[in-house]
Protein backbone atom coordinates (compact mmCIF):
# COMPACT_ATOMS: atom_id res chain seq x y z
CA MET A 1 72.89 -52.61 -45.13
CA GLU A 2 72.20 -49.80 -47.62
CA LYS A 3 73.93 -51.78 -50.37
CA ASN A 4 71.83 -54.89 -49.73
CA LEU A 5 68.64 -52.82 -49.63
CA ARG A 6 69.58 -51.13 -52.90
CA ASN A 7 70.25 -54.48 -54.57
CA TYR A 8 66.97 -55.84 -53.23
CA LEU A 9 65.13 -52.87 -54.73
CA VAL A 10 66.88 -53.38 -58.07
CA VAL A 11 65.93 -57.08 -58.09
CA THR A 12 62.35 -56.20 -57.14
CA GLY A 13 62.12 -53.54 -59.85
CA GLY A 14 63.35 -55.96 -62.50
CA TYR A 15 60.90 -58.58 -61.27
CA TRP A 16 58.06 -56.03 -61.45
CA ALA A 17 58.88 -55.11 -65.05
CA PHE A 18 58.97 -58.77 -66.04
CA THR A 19 55.73 -59.56 -64.21
CA ILE A 20 53.79 -56.84 -66.03
CA THR A 21 54.85 -58.36 -69.37
CA ASP A 22 53.95 -61.84 -68.12
CA GLY A 23 50.39 -60.82 -67.25
CA ALA A 24 50.04 -58.70 -70.38
CA ILE A 25 51.18 -61.38 -72.82
CA ARG A 26 48.73 -63.88 -71.34
CA MET A 27 45.82 -61.49 -71.86
CA LEU A 28 47.07 -60.55 -75.35
CA VAL A 29 47.28 -64.18 -76.45
CA VAL A 30 43.86 -65.12 -75.08
CA LEU A 31 42.01 -62.14 -76.54
CA TYR A 32 43.81 -61.87 -79.88
CA PHE A 33 43.78 -65.55 -80.78
CA HIS A 34 40.15 -65.83 -79.75
CA SER A 35 39.43 -62.98 -82.19
CA LEU A 36 41.29 -64.92 -84.91
CA GLY A 37 38.81 -67.77 -84.52
CA TYR A 38 40.79 -70.13 -82.28
CA SER A 39 38.51 -72.41 -80.27
CA PRO A 40 38.67 -72.26 -76.43
CA PHE A 41 40.48 -75.61 -76.43
CA GLU A 42 43.07 -74.37 -78.93
CA VAL A 43 43.64 -71.24 -76.83
CA ALA A 44 44.13 -73.44 -73.74
CA VAL A 45 46.62 -75.64 -75.64
CA LEU A 46 48.72 -72.55 -76.39
CA PHE A 47 49.59 -72.38 -72.67
CA LEU A 48 50.38 -76.08 -72.27
CA PHE A 49 54.10 -75.68 -72.97
CA TYR A 50 54.16 -72.52 -70.84
CA GLU A 51 53.25 -74.58 -67.77
CA PHE A 52 55.19 -77.72 -68.72
CA PHE A 53 58.47 -75.92 -69.29
CA GLY A 54 58.01 -74.19 -65.96
CA ILE A 55 58.57 -77.57 -64.31
CA VAL A 56 61.72 -78.24 -66.34
CA THR A 57 63.06 -74.71 -65.86
CA ASN A 58 62.68 -74.75 -62.10
CA LEU A 59 64.52 -78.06 -61.93
CA VAL A 60 67.43 -76.88 -64.08
CA GLY A 61 67.33 -73.18 -63.24
CA GLY A 62 68.30 -73.53 -59.58
CA TRP A 63 71.33 -75.62 -60.51
CA LEU A 64 72.27 -73.14 -63.23
CA GLY A 65 71.92 -70.20 -60.85
CA ALA A 66 74.23 -71.87 -58.32
CA ARG A 67 76.86 -72.30 -61.05
CA ILE A 68 76.72 -68.96 -62.88
CA GLY A 69 75.00 -66.62 -60.41
CA LEU A 70 71.38 -65.58 -59.87
CA ASN A 71 71.76 -62.17 -61.48
CA LEU A 72 72.81 -63.85 -64.75
CA THR A 73 69.92 -66.34 -64.74
CA MET A 74 67.53 -63.46 -64.06
CA HIS A 75 68.88 -61.57 -67.07
CA ILE A 76 68.72 -64.69 -69.26
CA GLY A 77 65.04 -64.94 -68.31
CA MET A 78 64.45 -61.30 -69.29
CA GLY A 79 66.22 -61.83 -72.60
CA LEU A 80 64.15 -64.91 -73.41
CA GLN A 81 60.95 -63.00 -72.66
CA VAL A 82 61.99 -60.26 -75.09
CA ILE A 83 62.54 -62.93 -77.75
CA ALA A 84 59.17 -64.57 -76.95
CA LEU A 85 57.39 -61.22 -77.31
CA THR A 86 59.03 -60.39 -80.62
CA MET A 87 58.35 -63.90 -81.98
CA LEU A 88 54.62 -63.11 -81.91
CA THR A 89 55.00 -59.95 -84.01
CA VAL A 90 55.17 -62.01 -87.25
CA PRO A 91 52.27 -61.95 -89.77
CA ASP A 92 49.08 -63.79 -88.82
CA ALA A 93 49.77 -66.49 -91.41
CA TRP A 94 52.79 -67.61 -89.36
CA LEU A 95 50.87 -67.82 -86.10
CA SER A 96 50.09 -71.52 -86.16
CA VAL A 97 49.38 -73.41 -82.95
CA PRO A 98 52.85 -75.08 -82.85
CA TYR A 99 54.60 -71.76 -83.49
CA VAL A 100 52.70 -69.94 -80.73
CA MET A 101 53.23 -72.88 -78.37
CA ALA A 102 56.97 -72.56 -79.01
CA ALA A 103 56.84 -68.84 -78.18
CA GLN A 104 54.86 -69.60 -75.03
CA ALA A 105 57.40 -72.26 -74.09
CA LEU A 106 60.12 -69.60 -74.21
CA SER A 107 57.93 -67.30 -72.13
CA GLY A 108 57.37 -70.06 -69.56
CA ILE A 109 61.11 -70.72 -69.31
CA ALA A 110 61.75 -66.98 -68.98
CA LYS A 111 59.11 -66.54 -66.28
CA ASP A 112 60.42 -69.29 -64.03
CA LEU A 113 64.07 -68.34 -64.49
CA ASN A 114 63.18 -64.80 -63.46
CA LYS A 115 60.99 -65.85 -60.52
CA MET A 116 63.50 -68.37 -59.17
CA SER A 117 66.36 -65.89 -59.48
CA ALA A 118 64.52 -63.00 -57.82
CA LYS A 119 63.20 -65.00 -54.87
CA ALA A 120 66.45 -66.86 -54.24
CA SER A 121 68.34 -63.55 -54.36
CA VAL A 122 66.35 -62.33 -51.36
CA LYS A 123 68.00 -65.01 -49.18
CA THR A 124 71.46 -63.79 -50.17
CA LEU A 125 70.56 -60.12 -49.62
CA ALA A 126 68.75 -60.48 -46.26
CA VAL A 127 71.99 -61.30 -44.48
CA GLY A 128 72.66 -61.59 -40.77
CA GLY A 129 70.11 -64.29 -39.95
CA ASP A 130 67.30 -61.77 -39.54
CA GLU A 131 64.29 -64.05 -40.11
CA SER A 132 61.83 -61.18 -39.61
CA LYS A 133 63.48 -59.20 -42.41
CA LEU A 134 63.60 -62.27 -44.64
CA PHE A 135 59.85 -62.91 -44.20
CA LYS A 136 59.05 -59.25 -44.83
CA TRP A 137 61.22 -58.96 -47.95
CA VAL A 138 60.02 -62.16 -49.59
CA ALA A 139 56.39 -61.33 -48.77
CA ILE A 140 56.70 -57.90 -50.40
CA LEU A 141 58.39 -59.40 -53.47
CA THR A 142 55.82 -62.18 -53.86
CA GLY A 143 52.78 -60.07 -53.08
CA SER A 144 53.78 -57.21 -55.36
CA LYS A 145 54.43 -59.72 -58.15
CA ASN A 146 50.88 -61.04 -58.00
CA ALA A 147 49.38 -57.55 -57.79
CA LEU A 148 51.37 -56.46 -60.84
CA LYS A 149 50.46 -59.60 -62.75
CA GLY A 150 46.83 -58.62 -62.30
CA ALA A 151 47.74 -55.11 -63.46
CA GLY A 152 49.44 -56.70 -66.45
CA PHE A 153 46.07 -58.13 -67.51
CA PHE A 154 44.78 -54.57 -67.79
CA VAL A 155 47.94 -53.34 -69.53
CA GLY A 156 47.70 -56.10 -72.14
CA ALA A 157 44.03 -55.49 -72.83
CA ALA A 158 44.46 -51.70 -73.00
CA LEU A 159 47.45 -51.88 -75.33
CA LEU A 160 45.58 -54.34 -77.56
CA GLN A 161 42.65 -51.96 -77.82
CA PHE A 162 44.60 -48.76 -78.46
CA ILE A 163 47.69 -49.79 -80.46
CA GLY A 164 46.91 -53.32 -81.62
CA PHE A 165 48.49 -56.72 -81.03
CA ARG A 166 51.89 -56.12 -82.60
CA GLY A 167 52.23 -52.60 -81.27
CA ALA A 168 51.54 -53.91 -77.78
CA LEU A 169 54.19 -56.60 -78.15
CA TRP A 170 56.83 -54.09 -79.27
CA VAL A 171 56.04 -51.75 -76.36
CA LEU A 172 56.32 -54.60 -73.84
CA ALA A 173 59.53 -55.93 -75.39
CA GLY A 174 61.08 -52.45 -75.35
CA MET A 175 60.11 -51.84 -71.72
CA LEU A 176 61.60 -55.15 -70.61
CA LEU A 177 64.79 -54.59 -72.61
CA VAL A 178 65.32 -51.29 -70.78
CA ALA A 179 64.78 -53.07 -67.43
CA LEU A 180 67.29 -55.74 -68.44
CA ILE A 181 69.95 -53.15 -69.26
CA VAL A 182 69.37 -51.14 -66.06
CA THR A 183 69.47 -54.17 -63.73
CA ALA A 184 72.54 -55.57 -65.53
CA ILE A 185 74.36 -52.30 -64.82
CA LEU A 186 73.24 -51.90 -61.20
CA LEU A 187 73.45 -55.47 -59.85
CA PRO A 188 76.76 -57.00 -58.69
CA THR A 189 77.91 -60.18 -60.42
CA GLY A 190 77.89 -63.61 -58.83
CA VAL A 191 74.84 -63.21 -56.55
CA GLY A 192 73.93 -66.68 -55.23
CA LYS A 193 76.83 -68.38 -56.98
CA MET A 194 78.26 -71.36 -55.09
CA LYS A 195 82.01 -71.47 -54.46
CA SER A 196 82.13 -75.07 -55.69
CA LYS A 197 80.45 -76.18 -58.91
CA PRO A 198 77.39 -78.23 -57.88
CA LYS A 199 76.53 -81.45 -59.68
CA PHE A 200 73.19 -81.68 -61.42
CA THR A 201 72.09 -84.48 -59.07
CA GLN A 202 72.25 -81.95 -56.22
CA VAL A 203 69.10 -80.23 -57.49
CA PHE A 204 67.11 -82.89 -55.63
CA SER A 205 67.20 -81.74 -52.04
CA ASN A 206 68.57 -84.06 -49.36
CA LYS A 207 66.88 -82.03 -46.60
CA PRO A 208 63.59 -83.72 -45.57
CA GLU A 209 61.90 -80.44 -44.60
CA ILE A 210 62.40 -79.05 -48.13
CA ASN A 211 61.04 -82.22 -49.73
CA TRP A 212 57.94 -82.17 -47.51
CA LEU A 213 57.43 -78.45 -48.16
CA ALA A 214 57.70 -79.01 -51.93
CA ALA A 215 55.11 -81.80 -51.72
CA ALA A 216 52.75 -79.57 -49.73
CA ARG A 217 53.29 -76.75 -52.25
CA PHE A 218 52.33 -79.10 -55.12
CA PHE A 219 48.92 -79.79 -53.59
CA LEU A 220 48.41 -76.22 -52.33
CA PHE A 221 48.71 -74.68 -55.78
CA GLY A 222 46.96 -77.59 -57.42
CA SER A 223 44.00 -76.87 -55.11
CA ARG A 224 43.72 -73.32 -56.41
CA ASP A 225 44.00 -74.08 -60.12
CA THR A 226 41.69 -77.11 -59.88
CA TRP A 227 38.74 -74.72 -59.82
CA PHE A 228 40.22 -71.32 -60.64
CA VAL A 229 41.75 -71.87 -64.11
CA VAL A 230 38.88 -73.40 -66.12
CA GLY A 231 35.89 -74.17 -63.89
CA LEU A 232 35.40 -70.72 -62.37
CA PRO A 233 35.68 -68.51 -65.50
CA VAL A 234 33.56 -70.92 -67.57
CA PHE A 235 30.91 -70.97 -64.82
CA LEU A 236 30.87 -67.18 -64.54
CA TYR A 237 30.48 -66.83 -68.31
CA SER A 238 28.18 -69.73 -69.22
CA VAL A 239 26.02 -70.08 -66.09
CA LEU A 240 25.94 -66.59 -64.56
CA GLY A 241 25.98 -64.88 -67.96
CA TRP A 242 28.91 -62.55 -67.29
CA SER A 243 30.64 -60.98 -70.29
CA PHE A 244 34.28 -61.70 -71.16
CA THR A 245 35.19 -58.24 -69.88
CA GLN A 246 33.42 -58.80 -66.55
CA VAL A 247 35.09 -62.19 -66.08
CA GLY A 248 38.53 -60.84 -66.94
CA ALA A 249 38.17 -57.74 -64.75
CA PHE A 250 36.91 -59.75 -61.78
CA LEU A 251 39.78 -62.26 -61.97
CA ALA A 252 42.31 -59.46 -62.44
CA PHE A 253 41.05 -57.62 -59.35
CA TRP A 254 41.15 -60.90 -57.43
CA VAL A 255 44.81 -61.44 -58.35
CA ILE A 256 45.68 -57.85 -57.40
CA GLY A 257 43.94 -58.19 -54.03
CA TYR A 258 45.61 -61.55 -53.49
CA GLY A 259 48.98 -59.89 -54.08
CA PHE A 260 48.31 -57.13 -51.56
CA VAL A 261 47.40 -59.70 -48.91
CA GLN A 262 50.61 -61.63 -49.61
CA ALA A 263 52.67 -58.48 -49.20
CA SER A 264 50.86 -57.76 -45.90
CA ALA A 265 51.31 -61.28 -44.50
CA PRO A 266 54.17 -60.39 -42.08
CA ARG A 267 52.01 -57.68 -40.47
CA LEU A 268 48.94 -59.95 -40.40
CA LEU A 269 50.94 -62.68 -38.67
CA GLN A 270 52.84 -60.34 -36.34
CA ARG A 271 50.86 -61.32 -33.22
CA LYS A 272 51.44 -65.02 -33.94
CA ARG A 273 55.18 -64.46 -34.33
CA GLN A 274 55.43 -62.61 -31.01
CA HIS A 275 54.33 -65.69 -29.07
CA ASP A 276 55.49 -68.61 -31.20
CA GLU A 277 58.02 -69.48 -33.87
CA LEU A 278 56.92 -69.18 -37.48
CA GLY A 279 57.18 -72.56 -39.17
CA GLY A 280 55.37 -75.84 -39.65
CA SER A 281 52.61 -75.12 -37.14
CA THR A 282 51.78 -71.84 -38.91
CA ALA A 283 51.61 -73.62 -42.27
CA ARG A 284 49.32 -76.33 -40.86
CA HIS A 285 46.99 -73.84 -39.18
CA TRP A 286 46.40 -71.79 -42.32
CA THR A 287 46.21 -74.81 -44.62
CA PHE A 288 43.44 -76.51 -42.67
CA LEU A 289 41.62 -73.18 -42.38
CA LEU A 290 41.82 -72.90 -46.17
CA ALA A 291 40.21 -76.34 -46.61
CA LEU A 292 36.99 -75.03 -45.07
CA LEU A 293 36.47 -72.52 -47.88
CA PRO A 294 36.13 -74.59 -51.10
CA ALA A 295 34.10 -77.13 -49.10
CA GLY A 296 31.85 -74.35 -47.78
CA ILE A 297 31.38 -72.86 -51.27
CA ALA A 298 30.49 -76.28 -52.69
CA LEU A 299 27.94 -76.92 -49.93
CA ALA A 300 26.39 -73.47 -50.39
CA LEU A 301 26.01 -74.05 -54.15
CA PHE A 302 24.52 -77.49 -53.47
CA GLN A 303 21.96 -75.89 -51.13
CA GLY A 304 20.88 -73.57 -53.94
CA TRP A 305 22.12 -70.31 -52.46
CA ASP A 306 22.64 -67.35 -54.80
CA PRO A 307 25.69 -68.51 -56.82
CA ALA A 308 26.97 -65.00 -57.59
CA LEU A 309 26.93 -63.99 -53.91
CA VAL A 310 28.44 -67.32 -52.82
CA LEU A 311 31.29 -67.17 -55.36
CA ILE A 312 32.18 -63.52 -54.86
CA SER A 313 32.23 -63.72 -51.06
CA GLY A 314 33.84 -67.16 -51.13
CA LEU A 315 36.55 -66.03 -53.52
CA VAL A 316 37.40 -63.03 -51.35
CA LEU A 317 37.86 -65.24 -48.28
CA PHE A 318 39.69 -67.92 -50.29
CA GLY A 319 42.05 -65.31 -51.73
CA ILE A 320 42.92 -63.91 -48.30
CA VAL A 321 43.64 -67.27 -46.67
CA PHE A 322 45.36 -68.71 -49.74
CA ALA A 323 47.64 -65.64 -50.00
CA ILE A 324 48.76 -66.06 -46.39
CA ASN A 325 49.43 -69.76 -47.02
CA SER A 326 51.51 -68.92 -50.07
CA ALA A 327 53.48 -66.22 -48.21
CA VAL A 328 54.29 -68.60 -45.35
CA HIS A 329 55.47 -71.28 -47.80
CA SER A 330 57.60 -68.75 -49.72
CA TYR A 331 59.27 -67.74 -46.48
CA LEU A 332 59.82 -71.31 -45.28
CA ILE A 333 61.67 -72.45 -48.42
CA LEU A 334 64.22 -69.67 -47.83
CA ALA A 335 64.37 -70.22 -44.08
CA TYR A 336 64.96 -73.97 -44.52
CA SER A 337 67.63 -73.47 -47.21
CA ASP A 338 71.36 -73.32 -46.57
CA PHE A 339 72.85 -70.03 -47.72
CA ASP A 340 75.00 -71.51 -50.52
CA LYS A 341 72.31 -73.87 -51.84
CA VAL A 342 69.36 -71.52 -51.85
CA SER A 343 69.00 -71.28 -55.64
CA MET A 344 68.85 -75.07 -56.10
CA ASN A 345 66.38 -75.50 -53.24
CA VAL A 346 64.16 -72.70 -54.55
CA GLY A 347 64.31 -74.19 -58.05
CA PHE A 348 63.30 -77.63 -56.75
CA TYR A 349 60.50 -76.11 -54.68
CA TYR A 350 59.07 -74.12 -57.58
CA MET A 351 59.30 -77.17 -59.81
CA ALA A 352 56.75 -78.72 -57.44
CA ASN A 353 54.75 -75.47 -57.60
CA ALA A 354 54.68 -75.63 -61.42
CA GLY A 355 53.73 -79.31 -61.32
CA GLY A 356 50.81 -78.49 -59.05
CA ARG A 357 49.64 -75.73 -61.40
CA LEU A 358 49.84 -78.02 -64.42
CA THR A 359 47.98 -80.83 -62.63
CA GLY A 360 45.35 -78.41 -61.34
CA THR A 361 44.84 -76.89 -64.80
CA VAL A 362 44.24 -80.28 -66.44
CA LEU A 363 42.07 -81.47 -63.56
CA SER A 364 40.03 -78.26 -63.66
CA GLY A 365 38.89 -78.90 -67.21
CA TRP A 366 38.15 -82.58 -66.63
CA ALA A 367 36.37 -82.09 -63.28
CA TYR A 368 34.22 -79.22 -64.56
CA GLN A 369 33.19 -81.15 -67.66
CA THR A 370 32.40 -84.26 -65.58
CA TYR A 371 31.05 -82.93 -62.28
CA GLY A 372 30.58 -79.17 -62.73
CA LEU A 373 31.97 -76.43 -60.50
CA GLU A 374 30.98 -78.26 -57.31
CA GLY A 375 33.13 -81.20 -58.39
CA CYS A 376 36.08 -78.85 -58.95
CA LEU A 377 35.59 -77.45 -55.45
CA TRP A 378 35.56 -80.89 -53.82
CA TRP A 379 38.76 -81.81 -55.67
CA SER A 380 40.21 -78.53 -54.40
CA THR A 381 39.23 -79.43 -50.85
CA ALA A 382 40.92 -82.84 -51.16
CA PHE A 383 44.12 -81.20 -52.43
CA VAL A 384 44.18 -78.67 -49.56
CA LEU A 385 43.67 -81.41 -46.97
CA THR A 386 46.53 -83.38 -48.52
CA ALA A 387 48.76 -80.30 -48.28
CA GLY A 388 47.76 -79.94 -44.63
CA LEU A 389 48.60 -83.56 -43.83
CA LEU A 390 52.00 -83.22 -45.51
CA SER A 391 52.63 -80.08 -43.42
CA PHE A 392 52.76 -82.17 -40.24
CA ARG A 393 56.32 -83.06 -41.30
CA LEU A 394 57.41 -79.42 -41.46
CA PRO A 395 59.65 -78.24 -38.60
CA GLU A 396 59.59 -74.91 -36.83
CA VAL A 397 62.13 -72.17 -37.63
CA SER A 398 63.99 -70.72 -34.69
CA SER A 399 64.72 -67.02 -34.42
CA GLU A 400 68.40 -68.01 -34.22
CA PRO A 401 70.15 -67.90 -37.62
CA THR A 402 70.01 -71.13 -39.68
CA LYS A 403 68.57 -73.12 -36.76
CA ILE A 404 65.63 -75.46 -37.38
CA VAL A 405 63.62 -76.97 -34.57
CA LYS A 406 62.52 -80.52 -35.38
CA VAL A 407 58.98 -81.65 -34.59
């Protein structure tokens, strides 16, 4: 038990170090390239490959992890992030849009290799069929990741202000390199590695519950990014007159709070779990509850209520309910997965997650330009309802190890 807990803490620590660099590099790129005269559209394009390669990486990464071990794929992700950070330290004349997109592509690959490896490792470390421990461990890992990503926004901005763009990149690269070396020394080899070499075609799950969960995840995360990525910050800046600093700080605090709620999800759902199994019914309940929030915000804005009050209060409620939804989904993908196929199932699942983010990002810009923030919110509502309908095909998870109760 102590050994598994120690390995879990090592994995979590490595994931934390990576996550800080992930949040910091995003803030660095946005602020620095805006100062160089890049248009908002050009800055957005810089992240296109970051999201696109997340889809590809999650598809391939789970298969790779099953073949070579999750600890190795996690360290490959860290190494690629170090390379991506150092790529941006070149002179400004080299920082063309294609070059920065290539660096961001590496960062996107690194991020999803690291995330898939860390989360799939939790399944292999929470042994003994203890579903309560599994939910708690994955909730802490996921919630702390989001809190630290928000902290990374502050780290990136602070480093940019005090030591400059290239100094910030070298500090981040050095910090992550140290984390890579420490975790490589402390973690055992072969975590999550399958005894037989899986074929690439096995990355597509043959378990219906995983396919339905992946589909629901696509629409769940698409519903968030449909209004959160472009529509919300542009509205706060251009309509409410907030400064760049106010917009960035508000979104960073939202992400940090969202992460704390995710980490607290097992305690928040404790009463539910005492009387019923945690599974498809829990996912449906929280998904349909979530659908009320973007619809309510849109209606309040349509009625002419104070937009600042509506958005701040609405975002707080949306963040709480969305975080619980995300934590339940993150638990279910591990609970539904067979022990020796967890990395491939997690990779497939997060491929759908990345696809939802990419779709939501593109839709956010189009919907805001065409229909305004209210249009983004109605699209978000439609996506949440779709996720809820798909969740009717999700089974319950029994407290008995590896047992799934069909609905």
